[in-house]
Amino acid sequence: MRDIRKTFGHVEALKGVDLEVAPGEIMALVGDNGAGKSTLVKTLAGVHVADAGTIEVDGEPVAIRGPQDAVDAGIETVYQDLALCDNLDVVANLYLGRELRTPGSGPLARFLAVKRMTAEAKRILDDLSVTLPSLRTQVGTLSGGQRQSIAVGRAVLWGSKLVVLDEPTAALGVQQTAMVYRLIRTLKERGISVVLISHNMVDVYEVADRVTVLRLGANAGVFDTRTSTPQDVIAAITGSDAIRLEGETR
C-alpha cells in the first residue's frame, strides 16, 4: 500500500500511509486509538475505498473497490468478532457462502457436496495443525482459540496470499493464545503473509517479524523485532521520541 489517503468529511483519517508486507512475513500493525489502523485495514479489505494511493499484490496493481475485489486479490480479513455462525458445524462455517454443490445438472445439482467439503476442510485444518473434537461440532461449543483457528482456516481454504488478523488473542487465555501463536507461525511457514493488528506488545514481539506504527493517520516508523524493543515501539506510538527530540533541539 503506497500513499493511502482517506478522508471522512473534515477528518483526514489516513495521510499518505505506506504498508509493505513480504511473502511469508508477519507484519504487526500498531497504534493508539484513532491512529488509522482500522481505516487502513478496511481499505485493504474493500470496506472503504481509498481516496488516493495505490495497492499492489505480487508487484501488480489491484483496484480494491469492494470486499470481493480484496478476496479476488488473495486478501482475507479475520475481524475480531470472527463472523462465525455458532449454530453451524465446522465444515459449514469454513464454506459459509461458498458452498460446493454436486456436479452435473438437474435435481442432483441442488445438493451440497458434503463429502468433498468435509475432506477439504480436514486437509486444511490438518495442515494448520488445528485439533478439534469433530468437524461436525457446532462452532458455538468450541474454545476461543479453536474458533480463531476456524476463522483463519476459512481464509487459507480460499487460497489467500495475505491474512489480516484483528486482535486475534483478545480475551483468550494462556493456552488458547499459545494455540493462536502456533497458527500464525504455521501461516508463515506456508508462505502466507500476515498483518497482525494488536495492542499487546507481548503478542507483537512473540510472533511478528516487523512492526509498522501509525500515529494520527500517518506512518510513525517501521521496526524489526530482532533489533528493537517494545519500548521503541511504544515511544513511536505515543510520540515521546518526537517530543524528546523537539525539546533537545530547542
Protein backbone atom coordinates (compact mmCIF):
# COMPACT_ATOMS: atom_id res chain seq x y z
CA MET A 1 0.00 0.00 0.00
CA ARG A 2 1.50 3.31 -1.11
CA ASP A 3 0.47 6.83 -0.09
CA ILE A 4 -3.02 5.71 1.00
CA ARG A 5 -5.28 8.63 1.84
CA LYS A 6 -8.80 8.56 3.23
CA THR A 7 -10.99 11.40 4.45
CA PHE A 8 -14.35 11.24 6.22
CA GLY A 9 -15.92 14.67 5.96
CA HIS A 10 -13.40 17.06 7.52
CA VAL A 11 -11.48 14.26 9.23
CA GLU A 12 -8.32 13.11 7.46
CA ALA A 13 -8.10 9.51 8.72
CA LEU A 14 -5.13 8.45 6.55
CA LYS A 15 -2.50 10.95 5.48
CA GLY A 16 -0.47 9.13 2.86
CA VAL A 17 0.17 5.84 4.69
CA ASP A 18 2.52 3.13 3.39
CA LEU A 19 2.36 -0.55 4.34
CA GLU A 20 4.57 -3.24 2.81
CA VAL A 21 4.49 -6.93 3.69
CA ALA A 22 6.84 -9.51 2.18
CA PRO A 23 5.74 -13.05 1.26
CA GLY A 24 5.59 -15.18 4.38
CA GLU A 25 6.21 -12.17 6.63
CA ILE A 26 4.32 -11.43 9.83
CA MET A 27 3.85 -7.68 9.99
CA ALA A 28 2.34 -6.20 13.14
CA LEU A 29 0.27 -3.04 12.67
CA VAL A 30 0.07 -1.00 15.86
CA GLY A 31 -1.02 2.42 17.02
CA ASP A 32 -3.16 4.16 19.59
CA ASN A 33 -6.93 4.52 19.19
CA GLY A 34 -7.58 6.86 16.27
CA ALA A 35 -4.19 6.19 14.67
CA GLY A 36 -5.80 4.91 11.46
CA LYS A 37 -5.27 1.14 11.83
CA SER A 38 -8.90 0.19 11.30
CA THR A 39 -9.33 2.57 8.38
CA LEU A 40 -6.19 1.23 6.69
CA VAL A 41 -7.23 -2.39 7.13
CA LYS A 42 -10.78 -1.73 5.98
CA THR A 43 -9.35 -0.04 2.89
CA LEU A 44 -7.26 -3.14 2.23
CA ALA A 45 -10.33 -5.33 2.79
CA GLY A 46 -12.52 -3.28 0.45
CA VAL A 47 -14.86 -1.96 3.14
CA HIS A 48 -13.61 1.56 2.42
CA VAL A 49 -12.31 2.85 -0.90
CA ALA A 50 -9.12 4.90 -0.71
CA ASP A 51 -9.35 8.50 -1.88
CA ALA A 52 -5.80 8.26 -3.23
CA GLY A 53 -2.85 5.90 -3.30
CA THR A 54 -2.06 2.52 -4.83
CA ILE A 55 -2.26 -1.10 -3.74
CA GLU A 56 -0.08 -3.81 -5.28
CA VAL A 57 -0.14 -7.58 -4.79
CA ASP A 58 2.87 -9.52 -6.07
CA GLY A 59 4.08 -6.35 -7.73
CA GLU A 60 0.89 -5.89 -9.74
CA PRO A 61 -1.53 -3.01 -9.09
CA VAL A 62 -5.01 -4.02 -7.95
CA ALA A 63 -8.16 -1.92 -7.69
CA ILE A 64 -9.96 -2.71 -4.44
CA ARG A 65 -13.39 -1.10 -4.54
CA GLY A 66 -15.27 -3.71 -2.55
CA PRO A 67 -14.75 -6.80 -0.38
CA GLN A 68 -14.91 -9.17 -3.35
CA ASP A 69 -12.06 -7.30 -5.04
CA ALA A 70 -9.93 -7.96 -1.95
CA VAL A 71 -10.84 -11.65 -1.92
CA ASP A 72 -10.08 -11.93 -5.64
CA ALA A 73 -6.65 -10.38 -4.95
CA GLY A 74 -5.94 -13.03 -2.28
CA ILE A 75 -6.60 -10.82 0.76
CA GLU A 76 -8.72 -12.18 3.61
CA THR A 77 -9.50 -10.33 6.83
CA VAL A 78 -10.38 -12.10 10.07
CA TYR A 79 -12.14 -9.50 12.19
CA GLN A 80 -12.24 -9.62 15.97
CA ASP A 81 -15.83 -10.94 16.01
CA LEU A 82 -14.69 -13.77 13.61
CA ALA A 83 -18.03 -13.73 11.70
CA LEU A 84 -18.77 -17.36 12.58
CA CYS A 85 -22.23 -18.94 12.89
CA ASP A 86 -22.38 -20.62 16.29
CA ASN A 87 -25.27 -22.92 15.35
CA LEU A 88 -23.42 -24.40 12.35
CA ASP A 89 -20.67 -27.01 12.39
CA VAL A 90 -17.02 -26.52 11.45
CA VAL A 91 -17.38 -27.53 7.80
CA ALA A 92 -20.42 -25.31 7.25
CA ASN A 93 -18.53 -22.33 8.69
CA LEU A 94 -15.47 -22.94 6.54
CA TYR A 95 -17.62 -22.94 3.40
CA LEU A 96 -20.14 -20.34 4.54
CA GLY A 97 -21.42 -18.51 1.46
CA ARG A 98 -19.12 -20.55 -0.82
CA GLU A 99 -20.68 -23.98 -0.53
CA LEU A 100 -19.74 -26.61 -3.08
CA ARG A 101 -22.50 -28.43 -4.92
CA THR A 102 -22.63 -31.79 -6.60
CA PRO A 103 -21.50 -31.71 -10.25
CA GLY A 104 -23.85 -32.00 -13.19
CA SER A 105 -27.27 -30.56 -13.86
CA GLY A 106 -30.80 -31.41 -12.88
CA PRO A 107 -32.16 -32.18 -9.40
CA LEU A 108 -28.84 -33.58 -8.09
CA ALA A 109 -27.11 -30.25 -8.68
CA ARG A 110 -29.17 -28.78 -5.85
CA PHE A 111 -27.37 -30.90 -3.25
CA LEU A 112 -24.25 -29.86 -1.34
CA ALA A 113 -21.04 -31.80 -1.97
CA VAL A 114 -20.75 -32.67 1.73
CA LYS A 115 -18.09 -35.39 1.41
CA ARG A 116 -15.86 -33.19 -0.74
CA MET A 117 -16.21 -30.20 1.59
CA THR A 118 -15.51 -32.36 4.65
CA ALA A 119 -12.39 -33.90 3.11
CA GLU A 120 -11.02 -30.50 2.06
CA ALA A 121 -11.82 -28.98 5.45
CA LYS A 122 -9.95 -31.80 7.19
CA ARG A 123 -6.94 -31.33 4.93
CA ILE A 124 -6.72 -27.59 5.58
CA LEU A 125 -7.12 -27.90 9.35
CA ASP A 126 -4.59 -30.75 9.48
CA ASP A 127 -2.13 -28.61 7.52
CA LEU A 128 -2.62 -25.86 10.09
CA SER A 129 -2.17 -28.38 12.95
CA VAL A 130 -5.62 -27.49 14.30
CA THR A 131 -7.08 -30.06 16.68
CA LEU A 132 -10.85 -30.17 17.07
CA PRO A 133 -13.26 -32.68 18.68
CA SER A 134 -15.00 -33.22 15.34
CA LEU A 135 -15.66 -31.39 12.11
CA ARG A 136 -19.36 -31.82 12.93
CA THR A 137 -19.07 -29.96 16.23
CA GLN A 138 -21.14 -26.80 16.48
CA VAL A 139 -18.77 -23.84 16.48
CA GLY A 140 -20.58 -22.24 19.43
CA THR A 141 -19.31 -25.01 21.72
CA LEU A 142 -15.61 -24.51 20.87
CA SER A 143 -12.98 -22.52 22.75
CA GLY A 144 -11.85 -19.07 21.67
CA GLY A 145 -8.59 -20.40 20.26
CA GLN A 146 -10.38 -23.11 18.28
CA ARG A 147 -12.85 -20.57 16.88
CA GLN A 148 -9.97 -18.32 15.85
CA SER A 149 -8.39 -21.32 14.10
CA ILE A 150 -11.57 -21.97 12.12
CA ALA A 151 -11.77 -18.35 11.01
CA VAL A 152 -8.14 -18.46 9.85
CA GLY A 153 -8.69 -21.87 8.23
CA ARG A 154 -11.52 -20.37 6.21
CA ALA A 155 -9.15 -17.69 4.91
CA VAL A 156 -6.50 -20.28 3.99
CA LEU A 157 -9.06 -22.53 2.33
CA TRP A 158 -9.67 -19.92 -0.33
CA GLY A 159 -6.05 -19.52 -1.34
CA SER A 160 -5.25 -16.29 0.46
CA LYS A 161 -1.87 -14.65 -0.08
CA LEU A 162 -2.39 -12.24 2.82
CA VAL A 163 -4.39 -12.80 6.00
CA VAL A 164 -5.22 -9.83 8.23
CA LEU A 165 -5.84 -10.77 11.88
CA ASP A 166 -7.61 -8.19 14.03
CA GLU A 167 -6.67 -8.62 17.71
CA PRO A 168 -6.64 -12.45 17.43
CA THR A 169 -5.74 -13.10 21.08
CA ALA A 170 -8.16 -10.62 22.66
CA ALA A 171 -9.93 -12.20 25.68
CA LEU A 172 -8.11 -15.53 25.23
CA GLY A 173 -6.44 -17.49 28.00
CA VAL A 174 -2.80 -18.57 28.04
CA GLN A 175 -3.32 -21.94 26.33
CA GLN A 176 -5.66 -20.50 23.69
CA THR A 177 -3.22 -17.67 23.00
CA ALA A 178 -0.42 -20.21 22.50
CA MET A 179 -2.66 -22.01 20.00
CA VAL A 180 -3.11 -18.78 18.02
CA TYR A 181 0.66 -18.15 18.10
CA ARG A 182 1.25 -21.61 16.58
CA LEU A 183 -1.40 -20.92 13.96
CA ILE A 184 0.22 -17.64 12.92
CA ARG A 185 3.65 -19.29 12.65
CA THR A 186 2.12 -22.04 10.51
CA LEU A 187 0.76 -19.44 8.10
CA LYS A 188 4.28 -18.02 7.81
CA GLU A 189 5.68 -21.50 7.11
CA ARG A 190 3.14 -21.90 4.31
CA GLY A 191 4.40 -18.66 2.72
CA ILE A 192 1.23 -16.73 3.61
CA SER A 193 1.77 -13.13 4.68
CA VAL A 194 0.10 -11.93 7.87
CA VAL A 195 -0.86 -8.47 9.08
CA LEU A 196 -1.37 -8.69 12.84
CA ILE A 197 -3.30 -5.86 14.48
CA SER A 198 -2.62 -5.83 18.19
CA HIS A 199 -2.33 -3.57 21.22
CA ASN A 200 -0.41 -6.30 23.04
CA MET A 201 3.35 -5.89 22.75
CA VAL A 202 3.83 -9.44 24.05
CA ASP A 203 1.88 -10.73 21.04
CA VAL A 204 3.79 -8.48 18.70
CA TYR A 205 7.26 -9.49 19.85
CA GLU A 206 6.27 -13.15 20.17
CA VAL A 207 5.36 -13.69 16.52
CA ALA A 208 5.96 -10.61 14.33
CA ASP A 209 8.97 -10.08 12.06
CA ARG A 210 8.45 -6.33 11.74
CA VAL A 211 6.18 -3.68 13.20
CA THR A 212 4.53 -0.79 11.36
CA VAL A 213 3.48 2.03 13.67
CA LEU A 214 0.73 4.51 12.81
CA ARG A 215 0.15 7.73 14.72
CA LEU A 216 -2.57 10.29 13.94
CA GLY A 217 -3.20 8.81 10.49
CA ALA A 218 0.44 8.76 9.36
CA ASN A 219 3.43 6.44 9.45
CA ALA A 220 5.48 6.75 12.64
CA GLY A 221 8.10 4.10 11.93
CA VAL A 222 8.83 0.51 10.94
CA PHE A 223 10.73 -1.67 13.40
CA ASP A 224 12.48 -5.04 13.08
CA THR A 225 11.58 -7.07 16.16
CA ARG A 226 15.08 -8.61 16.20
CA THR A 227 16.80 -5.27 16.64
CA SER A 228 14.22 -3.21 18.54
CA THR A 229 12.40 -3.35 21.86
CA PRO A 230 8.76 -2.91 22.86
CA GLN A 231 9.80 0.39 24.42
CA ASP A 232 10.97 1.62 21.00
CA VAL A 233 7.57 0.81 19.50
CA ILE A 234 5.66 2.35 22.41
CA ALA A 235 7.70 5.55 22.05
CA ALA A 236 6.72 5.73 18.37
CA ILE A 237 3.06 5.07 19.21
CA THR A 238 2.92 7.84 21.79
CA GLY A 239 5.24 10.23 20.00
CA SER A 240 7.50 10.54 23.04
CA ASP A 241 10.61 10.30 20.84
CA ALA A 242 9.40 13.21 18.73
CA ILE A 243 8.67 15.25 21.86
CA ARG A 244 12.10 14.48 23.32
CA LEU A 245 13.91 15.37 20.09
CA GLU A 246 11.98 18.62 19.76
CA GLY A 247 12.95 19.55 23.32
CA GLU A 248 16.59 18.76 22.67
CA THR A 249 16.54 20.92 19.54
CA ARG A 250 15.15 23.85 21.48
